[in-house]
Amino acid sequence: MEESFINGGPACGELRNPNVVLASGDRIAMDVEAIKVIENFEGANLTADPWSYTQIRRAVELEIGVKSEQDYKTISE
């Protein structure tokens, strides 16, 4: 993620550079982990459980990716 809105968005808001690279073959897992990264910034307004977001719940319903965090693992260096 080069730059990400931590609040506001999608066209304007407060930008931060998380200085991380996320890679995944699963769109839902990627979105959930990206939300977690954004939540760590002071001033971020994404404070709910990522799995509670409407877009994530709908993606799970459509079966376009994982259904829970138990279905994938994260690797960091």
N, C-alpha and C. Protein backbone atom coordinates (compact mmCIF):
# COMPACT_ATOMS: atom_id res chain seq x y z
N MET A 1 0.85 -1.16 0.00
CA MET A 1 0.00 0.00 0.00
C MET A 1 0.90 1.23 0.00
N GLU A 2 0.82 2.01 -1.05
CA GLU A 2 1.63 3.21 -1.11
C GLU A 2 1.03 4.30 -0.23
N GLU A 3 -0.21 4.66 -0.48
CA GLU A 3 -0.93 5.61 0.35
C GLU A 3 -2.33 5.09 0.55
N SER A 4 -2.88 5.41 1.72
CA SER A 4 -4.21 4.93 2.04
C SER A 4 -4.94 6.00 2.84
N PHE A 5 -6.23 6.14 2.59
CA PHE A 5 -7.03 7.03 3.42
C PHE A 5 -7.26 6.34 4.76
N ILE A 6 -7.01 7.06 5.86
CA ILE A 6 -7.32 6.51 7.17
C ILE A 6 -8.66 7.01 7.67
N ASN A 7 -9.17 8.06 7.04
CA ASN A 7 -10.54 8.52 7.26
C ASN A 7 -10.96 9.31 6.03
N GLY A 8 -12.25 9.53 5.91
CA GLY A 8 -12.75 10.16 4.68
C GLY A 8 -12.73 9.13 3.57
N GLY A 9 -12.32 9.59 2.40
CA GLY A 9 -12.25 8.69 1.26
C GLY A 9 -13.61 8.43 0.66
N PRO A 10 -13.75 7.90 -0.48
CA PRO A 10 -12.66 7.37 -1.28
C PRO A 10 -11.94 8.43 -2.12
N ALA A 11 -12.49 9.64 -2.22
CA ALA A 11 -11.86 10.66 -3.08
C ALA A 11 -11.01 11.66 -2.30
N CYS A 12 -11.36 11.90 -1.04
CA CYS A 12 -10.57 12.84 -0.24
C CYS A 12 -10.65 12.42 1.22
N GLY A 13 -9.67 12.84 1.97
CA GLY A 13 -9.59 12.49 3.38
C GLY A 13 -8.15 12.58 3.84
N GLU A 14 -7.87 11.99 4.96
CA GLU A 14 -6.52 12.02 5.53
C GLU A 14 -5.72 10.82 5.03
N LEU A 15 -4.61 11.11 4.36
CA LEU A 15 -3.76 10.06 3.79
C LEU A 15 -2.61 9.71 4.72
N ARG A 16 -2.24 8.45 4.70
CA ARG A 16 -1.04 7.97 5.40
C ARG A 16 -0.33 6.98 4.48
N ASN A 17 0.96 6.83 4.70
CA ASN A 17 1.75 5.84 3.98
C ASN A 17 2.07 4.71 4.95
N PRO A 18 1.37 3.57 4.84
CA PRO A 18 1.60 2.48 5.79
C PRO A 18 2.94 1.78 5.63
N ASN A 19 3.60 1.97 4.49
CA ASN A 19 4.92 1.39 4.26
C ASN A 19 4.91 -0.14 4.41
N VAL A 20 3.88 -0.77 3.85
CA VAL A 20 3.79 -2.23 3.83
C VAL A 20 3.41 -2.70 2.43
N VAL A 21 3.73 -3.93 2.16
CA VAL A 21 3.32 -4.57 0.91
C VAL A 21 2.42 -5.74 1.29
N LEU A 22 1.23 -5.77 0.72
CA LEU A 22 0.31 -6.88 0.94
C LEU A 22 0.16 -7.64 -0.36
N ALA A 23 0.20 -8.96 -0.28
CA ALA A 23 0.02 -9.79 -1.47
C ALA A 23 -0.83 -10.99 -1.08
N SER A 24 -1.78 -11.31 -1.95
CA SER A 24 -2.65 -12.45 -1.67
C SER A 24 -3.36 -12.86 -2.95
N GLY A 25 -3.70 -14.10 -3.03
CA GLY A 25 -4.53 -14.58 -4.12
C GLY A 25 -6.00 -14.55 -3.75
N ASP A 26 -6.30 -14.04 -2.57
CA ASP A 26 -7.67 -14.01 -2.08
C ASP A 26 -8.09 -12.57 -1.78
N ARG A 27 -9.12 -12.10 -2.45
CA ARG A 27 -9.54 -10.71 -2.32
C ARG A 27 -10.08 -10.38 -0.93
N ILE A 28 -10.80 -11.29 -0.33
CA ILE A 28 -11.37 -11.02 0.99
C ILE A 28 -10.26 -10.95 2.04
N ALA A 29 -9.35 -11.91 2.02
CA ALA A 29 -8.24 -11.90 2.97
C ALA A 29 -7.44 -10.61 2.84
N MET A 30 -7.20 -10.18 1.61
CA MET A 30 -6.44 -8.95 1.37
C MET A 30 -7.16 -7.75 1.96
N ASP A 31 -8.46 -7.63 1.72
CA ASP A 31 -9.21 -6.50 2.25
C ASP A 31 -9.24 -6.50 3.78
N VAL A 32 -9.43 -7.67 4.38
CA VAL A 32 -9.45 -7.76 5.85
C VAL A 32 -8.11 -7.31 6.42
N GLU A 33 -7.02 -7.78 5.86
CA GLU A 33 -5.70 -7.41 6.37
C GLU A 33 -5.39 -5.93 6.12
N ALA A 34 -5.85 -5.39 4.99
CA ALA A 34 -5.65 -3.96 4.71
C ALA A 34 -6.41 -3.11 5.73
N ILE A 35 -7.62 -3.51 6.08
CA ILE A 35 -8.39 -2.80 7.10
C ILE A 35 -7.63 -2.81 8.42
N LYS A 36 -7.05 -3.94 8.79
CA LYS A 36 -6.28 -4.03 10.03
C LYS A 36 -5.10 -3.07 10.03
N VAL A 37 -4.42 -2.94 8.90
CA VAL A 37 -3.29 -2.02 8.79
C VAL A 37 -3.78 -0.59 9.00
N ILE A 38 -4.84 -0.22 8.32
CA ILE A 38 -5.38 1.14 8.43
C ILE A 38 -5.83 1.44 9.85
N GLU A 39 -6.44 0.48 10.53
CA GLU A 39 -6.92 0.68 11.90
C GLU A 39 -5.81 1.06 12.87
N ASN A 40 -4.57 0.69 12.56
CA ASN A 40 -3.45 0.96 13.47
C ASN A 40 -2.98 2.41 13.47
N PHE A 41 -3.45 3.22 12.55
CA PHE A 41 -3.04 4.62 12.49
C PHE A 41 -3.90 5.48 13.40
N GLU A 42 -3.24 6.37 14.15
CA GLU A 42 -3.97 7.32 14.98
C GLU A 42 -4.84 8.17 14.07
N GLY A 43 -6.09 8.34 14.44
CA GLY A 43 -7.02 9.13 13.64
C GLY A 43 -7.82 8.32 12.65
N ALA A 44 -7.52 7.05 12.55
CA ALA A 44 -8.27 6.19 11.61
C ALA A 44 -9.70 6.03 12.10
N ASN A 45 -10.64 6.02 11.16
CA ASN A 45 -12.03 5.84 11.57
C ASN A 45 -12.57 4.45 11.22
N LEU A 46 -11.69 3.52 10.89
CA LEU A 46 -12.09 2.12 10.68
C LEU A 46 -11.82 1.38 11.99
N THR A 47 -12.82 1.28 12.83
CA THR A 47 -12.60 0.69 14.15
C THR A 47 -13.40 -0.58 14.40
N ALA A 48 -14.27 -0.93 13.48
CA ALA A 48 -15.08 -2.13 13.65
C ALA A 48 -14.29 -3.38 13.24
N ASP A 49 -14.78 -4.51 13.64
CA ASP A 49 -14.22 -5.79 13.20
C ASP A 49 -14.32 -5.83 11.67
N PRO A 50 -13.20 -6.07 10.96
CA PRO A 50 -13.26 -6.09 9.50
C PRO A 50 -14.33 -7.01 8.93
N TRP A 51 -14.62 -8.10 9.61
CA TRP A 51 -15.61 -9.06 9.13
C TRP A 51 -17.03 -8.53 9.26
N SER A 52 -17.22 -7.42 9.98
CA SER A 52 -18.55 -6.84 10.14
C SER A 52 -18.90 -5.84 9.04
N TYR A 53 -17.93 -5.45 8.22
CA TYR A 53 -18.20 -4.48 7.15
C TYR A 53 -19.11 -5.11 6.09
N THR A 54 -20.05 -4.30 5.62
CA THR A 54 -21.02 -4.77 4.63
C THR A 54 -20.35 -5.39 3.42
N GLN A 55 -19.30 -4.74 2.90
CA GLN A 55 -18.63 -5.24 1.70
C GLN A 55 -17.99 -6.61 1.94
N ILE A 56 -17.40 -6.78 3.11
CA ILE A 56 -16.75 -8.06 3.44
C ILE A 56 -17.82 -9.14 3.60
N ARG A 57 -18.88 -8.83 4.34
CA ARG A 57 -19.96 -9.82 4.53
C ARG A 57 -20.56 -10.24 3.19
N ARG A 58 -20.77 -9.27 2.30
CA ARG A 58 -21.34 -9.59 0.99
C ARG A 58 -20.38 -10.44 0.16
N ALA A 59 -19.11 -10.13 0.21
CA ALA A 59 -18.12 -10.92 -0.53
C ALA A 59 -18.10 -12.37 -0.03
N VAL A 60 -18.24 -12.56 1.28
CA VAL A 60 -18.30 -13.91 1.84
C VAL A 60 -19.55 -14.62 1.33
N GLU A 61 -20.70 -13.90 1.32
CA GLU A 61 -21.93 -14.49 0.80
C GLU A 61 -21.78 -14.94 -0.65
N LEU A 62 -21.06 -14.15 -1.44
CA LEU A 62 -20.86 -14.47 -2.85
C LEU A 62 -19.77 -15.52 -3.07
N GLU A 63 -19.12 -15.93 -1.98
CA GLU A 63 -18.08 -16.95 -2.00
C GLU A 63 -16.93 -16.60 -2.95
N ILE A 64 -16.48 -15.34 -2.88
CA ILE A 64 -15.36 -14.94 -3.74
C ILE A 64 -14.03 -15.03 -3.00
N GLY A 65 -14.06 -15.56 -1.80
CA GLY A 65 -12.82 -15.70 -1.05
C GLY A 65 -13.07 -16.43 0.26
N VAL A 66 -12.14 -16.26 1.19
CA VAL A 66 -12.21 -16.95 2.48
C VAL A 66 -13.45 -16.51 3.26
N LYS A 67 -13.80 -17.32 4.25
CA LYS A 67 -14.98 -17.03 5.08
C LYS A 67 -14.61 -16.57 6.47
N SER A 68 -13.34 -16.78 6.86
CA SER A 68 -12.89 -16.36 8.19
C SER A 68 -11.36 -16.33 8.21
N GLU A 69 -10.82 -15.77 9.27
CA GLU A 69 -9.37 -15.71 9.40
C GLU A 69 -8.74 -17.09 9.61
N GLN A 70 -9.54 -18.06 10.01
CA GLN A 70 -9.03 -19.42 10.16
C GLN A 70 -8.75 -20.06 8.80
N ASP A 71 -9.26 -19.45 7.73
CA ASP A 71 -9.08 -20.00 6.40
C ASP A 71 -7.81 -19.54 5.70
N TYR A 72 -7.03 -18.68 6.35
CA TYR A 72 -5.77 -18.22 5.75
C TYR A 72 -4.76 -17.91 6.84
N LYS A 73 -3.51 -17.74 6.46
CA LYS A 73 -2.49 -17.35 7.42
C LYS A 73 -1.72 -16.16 6.86
N THR A 74 -1.18 -15.37 7.76
CA THR A 74 -0.38 -14.22 7.35
C THR A 74 1.09 -14.56 7.60
N ILE A 75 1.92 -14.04 6.74
CA ILE A 75 3.37 -14.22 6.84
C ILE A 75 4.01 -12.84 6.82
N SER A 76 4.90 -12.57 7.76
CA SER A 76 5.55 -11.26 7.78
C SER A 76 7.04 -11.44 7.96
N GLU A 77 7.77 -10.49 7.46
CA GLU A 77 9.23 -10.50 7.60
C GLU A 77 9.68 -9.20 8.18
